[in-house]
Amino acid sequence: MQYVMDGKTPLGEVLMAADEEGLAGLWFVGQRHFAPFIDGNAIRRDLPIFDEVRQWLEDYFSGNTPTHCPVLHLMGTPFQKRVWSILCTIPYGQTMTYGRIAALVASQEGKDHMSAQAVGGAVARNPVSIIVPCHRVVSSHGNLTGYAGGLWRKRRLLELEGAIAAQGAL
């Protein structure tokens, strides 16, 4: 069974999704690749896991590193899950390039090379925004590129974490 609930952040409204296994989705409303696996049978109901997500977001947007991550149930291809697992290793306030992630995936798969563009496709389809920190992925030159929730949000998230210089307040 799928459950959904609305939430709010300083960067806009979000939709949270969960099932019996854990948090399956956290999207900014209207973002690219919005809620691709949520069907018309999803039940709108507040659950304890959504309270955990709200607490995580409150801690995060208060400038604190959240200490407890809700249980995640990431649904995707094995390749996507491998990429998302690497995203979870990027420390708060730091960034990693698509190329570096591609090299890590290639190493895990016993390959000499992996396409950074393929990694970019998997990063773009991350179903759990912010908590699985796809906003911490940058181009090989450190430029901000591609964020399903919009580049302005990516910039704000990285400013909040101190990974880039702040240009304005949340």
N, C-alpha and C. Protein backbone atom coordinates (compact mmCIF):
# COMPACT_ATOMS: atom_id res chain seq x y z
N MET A 1 0.84 -1.18 0.00
CA MET A 1 0.00 0.00 0.00
C MET A 1 0.88 1.24 0.00
N GLN A 2 0.48 2.25 -0.75
CA GLN A 2 1.20 3.50 -0.81
C GLN A 2 0.45 4.56 -0.01
N TYR A 3 1.21 5.37 0.72
CA TYR A 3 0.64 6.47 1.49
C TYR A 3 1.35 7.75 1.09
N VAL A 4 0.61 8.84 1.05
CA VAL A 4 1.20 10.14 0.71
C VAL A 4 0.73 11.19 1.70
N MET A 5 1.52 12.23 1.83
CA MET A 5 1.16 13.35 2.70
C MET A 5 1.94 14.57 2.21
N ASP A 6 1.31 15.72 2.33
CA ASP A 6 1.94 16.97 1.95
C ASP A 6 2.81 17.48 3.09
N GLY A 7 3.80 18.27 2.74
CA GLY A 7 4.66 18.90 3.72
C GLY A 7 5.13 20.25 3.19
N LYS A 8 5.78 21.00 4.05
CA LYS A 8 6.27 22.33 3.68
C LYS A 8 7.73 22.46 4.08
N THR A 9 8.48 23.18 3.25
CA THR A 9 9.85 23.54 3.57
C THR A 9 10.01 25.02 3.24
N PRO A 10 11.10 25.63 3.67
CA PRO A 10 11.34 27.02 3.28
C PRO A 10 11.51 27.19 1.76
N LEU A 11 11.73 26.09 1.04
CA LEU A 11 11.93 26.16 -0.40
C LEU A 11 10.71 25.71 -1.19
N GLY A 12 9.60 25.49 -0.50
CA GLY A 12 8.38 25.12 -1.19
C GLY A 12 7.73 23.88 -0.63
N GLU A 13 6.54 23.61 -1.15
CA GLU A 13 5.77 22.45 -0.71
C GLU A 13 6.39 21.17 -1.25
N VAL A 14 6.23 20.09 -0.47
CA VAL A 14 6.73 18.78 -0.87
C VAL A 14 5.62 17.75 -0.75
N LEU A 15 5.81 16.66 -1.45
CA LEU A 15 4.95 15.49 -1.30
C LEU A 15 5.82 14.38 -0.76
N MET A 16 5.37 13.76 0.31
CA MET A 16 6.06 12.62 0.91
C MET A 16 5.29 11.36 0.54
N ALA A 17 6.00 10.27 0.29
CA ALA A 17 5.37 8.99 -0.02
C ALA A 17 6.06 7.90 0.77
N ALA A 18 5.28 6.94 1.24
CA ALA A 18 5.83 5.83 2.01
C ALA A 18 5.01 4.58 1.73
N ASP A 19 5.61 3.46 2.08
CA ASP A 19 4.89 2.19 2.06
C ASP A 19 5.29 1.45 3.33
N GLU A 20 4.96 0.21 3.41
CA GLU A 20 5.24 -0.56 4.63
C GLU A 20 6.73 -0.69 4.92
N GLU A 21 7.58 -0.49 3.91
CA GLU A 21 9.02 -0.65 4.09
C GLU A 21 9.74 0.63 4.49
N GLY A 22 9.17 1.79 4.17
CA GLY A 22 9.84 3.03 4.54
C GLY A 22 9.47 4.18 3.64
N LEU A 23 10.25 5.25 3.75
CA LEU A 23 10.04 6.45 2.95
C LEU A 23 10.45 6.14 1.51
N ALA A 24 9.53 6.29 0.60
CA ALA A 24 9.79 5.97 -0.80
C ALA A 24 9.94 7.22 -1.67
N GLY A 25 9.45 8.34 -1.20
CA GLY A 25 9.53 9.54 -2.01
C GLY A 25 9.44 10.81 -1.21
N LEU A 26 10.15 11.82 -1.68
CA LEU A 26 10.09 13.18 -1.14
C LEU A 26 10.43 14.10 -2.30
N TRP A 27 9.39 14.74 -2.84
CA TRP A 27 9.57 15.57 -4.02
C TRP A 27 9.05 16.97 -3.76
N PHE A 28 9.73 17.96 -4.35
CA PHE A 28 9.16 19.30 -4.39
C PHE A 28 7.99 19.25 -5.36
N VAL A 29 6.87 19.82 -4.96
CA VAL A 29 5.67 19.79 -5.80
C VAL A 29 6.00 20.45 -7.15
N GLY A 30 5.72 19.74 -8.21
CA GLY A 30 5.94 20.24 -9.56
C GLY A 30 7.32 20.01 -10.13
N GLN A 31 8.21 19.40 -9.38
CA GLN A 31 9.56 19.20 -9.90
C GLN A 31 9.55 18.18 -11.04
N ARG A 32 10.63 18.14 -11.78
CA ARG A 32 10.81 17.16 -12.83
C ARG A 32 10.84 15.77 -12.19
N HIS A 33 10.33 14.77 -12.87
CA HIS A 33 10.26 13.39 -12.37
C HIS A 33 9.46 13.31 -11.08
N PHE A 34 8.37 14.08 -11.02
CA PHE A 34 7.55 14.16 -9.82
C PHE A 34 6.73 12.88 -9.62
N ALA A 35 6.92 12.23 -8.49
CA ALA A 35 6.11 11.09 -8.04
C ALA A 35 5.80 10.07 -9.13
N PRO A 36 6.82 9.55 -9.80
CA PRO A 36 6.57 8.69 -10.96
C PRO A 36 5.88 7.36 -10.64
N PHE A 37 6.05 6.85 -9.44
CA PHE A 37 5.47 5.54 -9.13
C PHE A 37 4.23 5.61 -8.25
N ILE A 38 3.78 6.81 -7.94
CA ILE A 38 2.57 6.95 -7.13
C ILE A 38 1.36 6.78 -8.04
N ASP A 39 0.50 5.86 -7.69
CA ASP A 39 -0.68 5.62 -8.52
C ASP A 39 -1.93 6.20 -7.85
N GLY A 40 -3.03 6.08 -8.52
CA GLY A 40 -4.29 6.63 -8.04
C GLY A 40 -4.83 5.94 -6.80
N ASN A 41 -4.21 4.86 -6.38
CA ASN A 41 -4.66 4.13 -5.20
C ASN A 41 -3.94 4.55 -3.92
N ALA A 42 -3.00 5.48 -4.03
CA ALA A 42 -2.27 5.93 -2.84
C ALA A 42 -3.25 6.56 -1.85
N ILE A 43 -3.06 6.27 -0.58
CA ILE A 43 -3.93 6.77 0.48
C ILE A 43 -3.29 7.98 1.13
N ARG A 44 -4.02 9.07 1.23
CA ARG A 44 -3.53 10.27 1.92
C ARG A 44 -3.75 10.07 3.41
N ARG A 45 -2.66 9.81 4.13
CA ARG A 45 -2.76 9.56 5.57
C ARG A 45 -1.44 9.94 6.23
N ASP A 46 -1.55 10.60 7.36
CA ASP A 46 -0.36 10.95 8.12
C ASP A 46 0.13 9.72 8.86
N LEU A 47 1.40 9.44 8.75
CA LEU A 47 2.01 8.27 9.38
C LEU A 47 3.19 8.71 10.24
N PRO A 48 3.62 7.89 11.20
CA PRO A 48 4.79 8.23 12.00
C PRO A 48 6.04 8.53 11.16
N ILE A 49 6.20 7.82 10.06
CA ILE A 49 7.39 8.10 9.23
C ILE A 49 7.35 9.51 8.66
N PHE A 50 6.16 10.03 8.39
CA PHE A 50 6.06 11.41 7.89
C PHE A 50 6.42 12.40 8.99
N ASP A 51 6.12 12.06 10.25
CA ASP A 51 6.57 12.89 11.37
C ASP A 51 8.10 12.90 11.42
N GLU A 52 8.73 11.74 11.18
CA GLU A 52 10.19 11.65 11.16
C GLU A 52 10.77 12.53 10.05
N VAL A 53 10.12 12.49 8.88
CA VAL A 53 10.59 13.30 7.74
C VAL A 53 10.46 14.79 8.08
N ARG A 54 9.33 15.18 8.64
CA ARG A 54 9.14 16.59 9.01
C ARG A 54 10.20 17.02 10.03
N GLN A 55 10.52 16.16 11.00
CA GLN A 55 11.56 16.49 11.99
C GLN A 55 12.92 16.59 11.32
N TRP A 56 13.21 15.68 10.41
CA TRP A 56 14.48 15.70 9.68
C TRP A 56 14.59 17.02 8.92
N LEU A 57 13.53 17.39 8.21
CA LEU A 57 13.55 18.63 7.43
C LEU A 57 13.67 19.86 8.33
N GLU A 58 12.97 19.84 9.46
CA GLU A 58 13.07 20.96 10.40
C GLU A 58 14.51 21.11 10.90
N ASP A 59 15.13 20.00 11.29
CA ASP A 59 16.53 20.05 11.74
C ASP A 59 17.43 20.57 10.62
N TYR A 60 17.26 20.02 9.43
CA TYR A 60 18.09 20.39 8.29
C TYR A 60 17.97 21.88 7.98
N PHE A 61 16.76 22.36 7.84
CA PHE A 61 16.56 23.77 7.47
C PHE A 61 16.87 24.73 8.62
N SER A 62 17.06 24.20 9.82
CA SER A 62 17.52 25.02 10.94
C SER A 62 19.04 25.15 10.94
N GLY A 63 19.69 24.51 9.97
CA GLY A 63 21.14 24.58 9.85
C GLY A 63 21.86 23.50 10.63
N ASN A 64 21.13 22.51 11.10
CA ASN A 64 21.73 21.42 11.85
C ASN A 64 21.80 20.17 10.98
N THR A 65 22.81 19.36 11.21
CA THR A 65 22.88 18.08 10.52
C THR A 65 21.93 17.13 11.23
N PRO A 66 20.90 16.64 10.52
CA PRO A 66 19.95 15.72 11.17
C PRO A 66 20.68 14.47 11.67
N THR A 67 20.29 14.03 12.85
CA THR A 67 20.97 12.88 13.46
C THR A 67 20.27 11.56 13.18
N HIS A 68 19.02 11.61 12.77
CA HIS A 68 18.26 10.39 12.53
C HIS A 68 17.64 10.45 11.15
N CYS A 69 17.96 9.46 10.32
CA CYS A 69 17.39 9.39 8.97
C CYS A 69 16.22 8.42 8.98
N PRO A 70 15.09 8.81 8.41
CA PRO A 70 13.98 7.86 8.31
C PRO A 70 14.40 6.63 7.50
N VAL A 71 13.79 5.51 7.76
CA VAL A 71 14.06 4.31 6.98
C VAL A 71 13.64 4.58 5.54
N LEU A 72 14.53 4.29 4.60
CA LEU A 72 14.26 4.55 3.20
C LEU A 72 13.89 3.27 2.46
N HIS A 73 13.00 3.40 1.50
CA HIS A 73 12.67 2.32 0.57
C HIS A 73 12.77 2.91 -0.83
N LEU A 74 14.00 2.91 -1.36
CA LEU A 74 14.26 3.52 -2.66
C LEU A 74 13.93 2.52 -3.76
N MET A 75 13.05 2.92 -4.65
CA MET A 75 12.62 2.05 -5.75
C MET A 75 13.23 2.54 -7.05
N GLY A 76 14.00 1.68 -7.68
CA GLY A 76 14.62 2.01 -8.94
C GLY A 76 15.38 0.81 -9.47
N THR A 77 16.10 1.03 -10.54
CA THR A 77 16.90 -0.04 -11.13
C THR A 77 18.11 -0.30 -10.23
N PRO A 78 18.77 -1.45 -10.40
CA PRO A 78 19.99 -1.68 -9.62
C PRO A 78 21.04 -0.59 -9.83
N PHE A 79 21.17 -0.10 -11.05
CA PHE A 79 22.12 0.99 -11.33
C PHE A 79 21.73 2.25 -10.56
N GLN A 80 20.46 2.63 -10.63
CA GLN A 80 20.01 3.82 -9.91
C GLN A 80 20.27 3.67 -8.41
N LYS A 81 19.96 2.52 -7.86
CA LYS A 81 20.16 2.30 -6.42
C LYS A 81 21.64 2.40 -6.05
N ARG A 82 22.52 1.93 -6.93
CA ARG A 82 23.96 2.04 -6.68
C ARG A 82 24.37 3.51 -6.62
N VAL A 83 23.87 4.29 -7.58
CA VAL A 83 24.18 5.73 -7.60
C VAL A 83 23.61 6.40 -6.36
N TRP A 84 22.36 6.12 -6.01
CA TRP A 84 21.74 6.75 -4.85
C TRP A 84 22.47 6.38 -3.56
N SER A 85 22.99 5.17 -3.50
CA SER A 85 23.75 4.75 -2.33
C SER A 85 25.02 5.61 -2.19
N ILE A 86 25.65 5.91 -3.30
CA ILE A 86 26.84 6.78 -3.27
C ILE A 86 26.45 8.19 -2.84
N LEU A 87 25.30 8.68 -3.31
CA LEU A 87 24.86 10.01 -2.90
C LEU A 87 24.78 10.11 -1.38
N CYS A 88 24.33 9.04 -0.76
CA CYS A 88 24.17 9.04 0.71
C CYS A 88 25.50 9.12 1.44
N THR A 89 26.61 8.91 0.74
CA THR A 89 27.92 8.99 1.38
C THR A 89 28.55 10.38 1.29
N ILE A 90 27.93 11.28 0.52
CA ILE A 90 28.50 12.62 0.37
C ILE A 90 28.21 13.40 1.65
N PRO A 91 29.25 13.80 2.36
CA PRO A 91 29.03 14.48 3.64
C PRO A 91 28.32 15.83 3.50
N TYR A 92 27.59 16.17 4.52
CA TYR A 92 26.94 17.48 4.66
C TYR A 92 27.99 18.56 4.40
N GLY A 93 27.64 19.53 3.56
CA GLY A 93 28.54 20.65 3.31
C GLY A 93 29.62 20.38 2.28
N GLN A 94 29.60 19.20 1.65
CA GLN A 94 30.58 18.87 0.63
C GLN A 94 29.87 18.51 -0.66
N THR A 95 30.62 18.48 -1.74
CA THR A 95 30.07 18.11 -3.03
C THR A 95 30.91 17.01 -3.65
N MET A 96 30.35 16.38 -4.67
CA MET A 96 31.04 15.35 -5.44
C MET A 96 30.63 15.54 -6.90
N THR A 97 31.54 15.23 -7.82
CA THR A 97 31.22 15.40 -9.23
C THR A 97 30.54 14.16 -9.80
N TYR A 98 29.81 14.38 -10.90
CA TYR A 98 29.19 13.26 -11.61
C TYR A 98 30.28 12.28 -12.04
N GLY A 99 31.42 12.81 -12.49
CA GLY A 99 32.52 11.95 -12.92
C GLY A 99 33.06 11.08 -11.81
N ARG A 100 33.17 11.63 -10.61
CA ARG A 100 33.67 10.85 -9.46
C ARG A 100 32.68 9.74 -9.13
N ILE A 101 31.39 10.06 -9.16
CA ILE A 101 30.38 9.03 -8.90
C ILE A 101 30.46 7.95 -9.97
N ALA A 102 30.64 8.36 -11.24
CA ALA A 102 30.77 7.40 -12.33
C ALA A 102 31.96 6.48 -12.09
N ALA A 103 33.07 7.03 -11.64
CA ALA A 103 34.25 6.21 -11.37
C ALA A 103 33.99 5.22 -10.23
N LEU A 104 33.28 5.67 -9.20
CA LEU A 104 32.96 4.77 -8.09
C LEU A 104 32.03 3.65 -8.53
N VAL A 105 31.02 3.97 -9.34
CA VAL A 105 30.11 2.93 -9.84
C VAL A 105 30.87 1.96 -10.73
N ALA A 106 31.73 2.48 -11.61
CA ALA A 106 32.52 1.61 -12.48
C ALA A 106 33.37 0.65 -11.65
N SER A 107 33.98 1.16 -10.62
CA SER A 107 34.80 0.32 -9.74
C SER A 107 33.96 -0.76 -9.07
N GLN A 108 32.78 -0.40 -8.60
CA GLN A 108 31.90 -1.38 -7.95
C GLN A 108 31.46 -2.46 -8.93
N GLU A 109 31.31 -2.09 -10.20
CA GLU A 109 30.85 -3.03 -11.20
C GLU A 109 32.00 -3.74 -11.92
N GLY A 110 33.24 -3.45 -11.53
CA GLY A 110 34.39 -4.07 -12.16
C GLY A 110 34.63 -3.60 -13.58
N LYS A 111 34.24 -2.37 -13.88
CA LYS A 111 34.41 -1.80 -15.21
C LYS A 111 35.51 -0.75 -15.19
N ASP A 112 36.07 -0.49 -16.37
CA ASP A 112 37.09 0.54 -16.49
C ASP A 112 36.51 1.94 -16.53
N HIS A 113 35.27 2.04 -17.04
CA HIS A 113 34.69 3.37 -17.25
C HIS A 113 33.17 3.29 -17.11
N MET A 114 32.59 4.39 -16.68
CA MET A 114 31.14 4.52 -16.59
C MET A 114 30.81 5.93 -17.07
N SER A 115 29.73 6.08 -17.77
CA SER A 115 29.32 7.38 -18.29
C SER A 115 28.81 8.30 -17.18
N ALA A 116 29.38 9.49 -17.12
CA ALA A 116 28.89 10.49 -16.17
C ALA A 116 27.48 10.91 -16.53
N GLN A 117 27.13 10.85 -17.82
CA GLN A 117 25.76 11.19 -18.24
C GLN A 117 24.76 10.16 -17.71
N ALA A 118 25.15 8.89 -17.71
CA ALA A 118 24.27 7.85 -17.16
C ALA A 118 24.06 8.10 -15.66
N VAL A 119 25.12 8.48 -14.99
CA VAL A 119 25.02 8.83 -13.57
C VAL A 119 24.08 10.02 -13.40
N GLY A 120 24.21 11.01 -14.26
CA GLY A 120 23.34 12.18 -14.18
C GLY A 120 21.88 11.81 -14.32
N GLY A 121 21.58 10.85 -15.19
CA GLY A 121 20.20 10.39 -15.34
C GLY A 121 19.67 9.75 -14.07
N ALA A 122 20.52 8.97 -13.40
CA ALA A 122 20.12 8.32 -12.15
C ALA A 122 19.97 9.36 -11.03
N VAL A 123 20.89 10.31 -10.97
CA VAL A 123 20.82 11.37 -9.96
C VAL A 123 19.52 12.15 -10.12
N ALA A 124 19.15 12.46 -11.37
CA ALA A 124 17.95 13.24 -11.64
C ALA A 124 16.68 12.52 -11.20
N ARG A 125 16.74 11.21 -11.13
CA ARG A 125 15.55 10.42 -10.77
C ARG A 125 15.56 9.98 -9.30
N ASN A 126 16.42 10.57 -8.52
CA ASN A 126 16.44 10.30 -7.08
C ASN A 126 15.05 10.58 -6.52
N PRO A 127 14.41 9.59 -5.91
CA PRO A 127 13.04 9.80 -5.44
C PRO A 127 12.93 10.48 -4.07
N VAL A 128 14.04 10.65 -3.37
CA VAL A 128 13.97 11.21 -2.02
C VAL A 128 14.87 12.45 -1.95
N SER A 129 14.33 13.57 -2.42
CA SER A 129 15.08 14.82 -2.43
C SER A 129 15.56 15.20 -1.04
N ILE A 130 16.65 15.87 -1.01
CA ILE A 130 17.29 16.45 0.18
C ILE A 130 17.88 15.36 1.08
N ILE A 131 17.07 14.40 1.53
CA ILE A 131 17.57 13.35 2.43
C ILE A 131 18.61 12.50 1.71
N VAL A 132 18.33 12.10 0.47
CA VAL A 132 19.33 11.48 -0.40
C VAL A 132 19.88 12.67 -1.19
N PRO A 133 21.06 13.15 -0.82
CA PRO A 133 21.50 14.49 -1.22
C PRO A 133 22.02 14.64 -2.65
N CYS A 134 21.13 14.52 -3.61
CA CYS A 134 21.51 14.70 -5.01
C CYS A 134 21.91 16.15 -5.29
N HIS A 135 21.49 17.08 -4.42
CA HIS A 135 21.87 18.48 -4.61
C HIS A 135 23.37 18.69 -4.40
N ARG A 136 24.06 17.72 -3.83
CA ARG A 136 25.51 17.84 -3.58
C ARG A 136 26.36 17.41 -4.77
N VAL A 137 25.72 17.08 -5.89
CA VAL A 137 26.46 16.64 -7.08
C VAL A 137 26.62 17.83 -8.02
N VAL A 138 27.87 18.05 -8.45
CA VAL A 138 28.20 19.19 -9.30
C VAL A 138 28.97 18.70 -10.53
N SER A 139 29.15 19.61 -11.49
CA SER A 139 29.89 19.28 -12.70
C SER A 139 31.38 19.12 -12.38
N SER A 140 32.14 18.67 -13.37
CA SER A 140 33.57 18.45 -13.16
C SER A 140 34.31 19.74 -12.84
N HIS A 141 33.73 20.89 -13.19
CA HIS A 141 34.35 22.19 -12.89
C HIS A 141 33.74 22.83 -11.65
N GLY A 142 32.88 22.08 -10.95
CA GLY A 142 32.27 22.60 -9.74
C GLY A 142 31.03 23.44 -9.99
N ASN A 143 30.57 23.50 -11.24
CA ASN A 143 29.38 24.29 -11.56
C ASN A 143 28.12 23.57 -11.11
N LEU A 144 27.10 24.35 -10.78
CA LEU A 144 25.82 23.77 -10.42
C LEU A 144 25.07 23.43 -11.71
N THR A 145 24.78 22.16 -11.86
CA THR A 145 24.04 21.70 -13.04
C THR A 145 22.95 20.77 -12.58
N GLY A 146 21.89 20.73 -13.33
CA GLY A 146 20.83 19.77 -13.15
C GLY A 146 20.36 19.51 -11.73
N TYR A 147 19.16 19.91 -11.43
CA TYR A 147 18.50 19.55 -10.18
C TYR A 147 17.02 19.51 -10.48
N ALA A 148 16.41 18.36 -10.26
CA ALA A 148 14.99 18.18 -10.62
C ALA A 148 14.10 19.22 -9.94
N GLY A 149 14.49 19.69 -8.77
CA GLY A 149 13.70 20.69 -8.06
C GLY A 149 14.00 22.12 -8.47
N GLY A 150 14.92 22.31 -9.42
CA GLY A 150 15.29 23.64 -9.89
C GLY A 150 16.65 24.05 -9.34
N LEU A 151 17.44 24.66 -10.21
CA LEU A 151 18.80 25.07 -9.79
C LEU A 151 18.79 26.07 -8.64
N TRP A 152 17.76 26.91 -8.57
CA TRP A 152 17.72 27.88 -7.47
C TRP A 152 17.62 27.15 -6.13
N ARG A 153 16.88 26.03 -6.09
CA ARG A 153 16.79 25.25 -4.85
C ARG A 153 18.13 24.58 -4.54
N LYS A 154 18.77 24.05 -5.56
CA LYS A 154 20.08 23.41 -5.36
C LYS A 154 21.04 24.42 -4.75
N ARG A 155 21.06 25.61 -5.31
CA ARG A 155 21.94 26.67 -4.79
C ARG A 155 21.62 26.96 -3.33
N ARG A 156 20.35 27.10 -3.00
CA ARG A 156 19.96 27.41 -1.63
C ARG A 156 20.34 26.29 -0.66
N LEU A 157 20.17 25.04 -1.08
CA LEU A 157 20.54 23.90 -0.22
C LEU A 157 22.04 23.90 0.03
N LEU A 158 22.83 24.13 -1.01
CA LEU A 158 24.28 24.14 -0.85
C LEU A 158 24.75 25.36 -0.05
N GLU A 159 24.05 26.49 -0.18
CA GLU A 159 24.36 27.66 0.65
C GLU A 159 24.07 27.35 2.12
N LEU A 160 22.94 26.73 2.38
CA LEU A 160 22.57 26.38 3.75
C LEU A 160 23.64 25.50 4.40
N GLU A 161 24.17 24.56 3.61
CA GLU A 161 25.19 23.64 4.12
C GLU A 161 26.58 24.27 4.17
N GLY A 162 26.73 25.45 3.58
CA GLY A 162 28.04 26.10 3.57
C GLY A 162 28.96 25.54 2.51
N ALA A 163 28.40 24.79 1.54
CA ALA A 163 29.22 24.22 0.48
C ALA A 163 29.56 25.25 -0.58
N ILE A 164 28.74 26.30 -0.69
CA ILE A 164 29.02 27.41 -1.59
C ILE A 164 28.67 28.70 -0.85
N ALA A 165 29.20 29.81 -1.34
CA ALA A 165 28.94 31.09 -0.70
C ALA A 165 27.48 31.47 -0.84
N ALA A 166 26.92 31.97 0.24
CA ALA A 166 25.51 32.36 0.24
C ALA A 166 25.32 33.65 -0.55
N GLN A 167 24.22 33.67 -1.34
CA GLN A 167 23.87 34.87 -2.08
C GLN A 167 22.59 35.50 -1.53
N GLY A 168 21.97 34.88 -0.57
CA GLY A 168 20.74 35.42 0.00
C GLY A 168 20.23 34.49 1.09
N ALA A 169 19.32 34.97 1.87
CA ALA A 169 18.78 34.17 2.97
C ALA A 169 17.68 33.24 2.49
N LEU A 170 17.52 32.12 3.20
CA LEU A 170 16.41 31.22 2.93
C LEU A 170 15.15 31.96 3.28
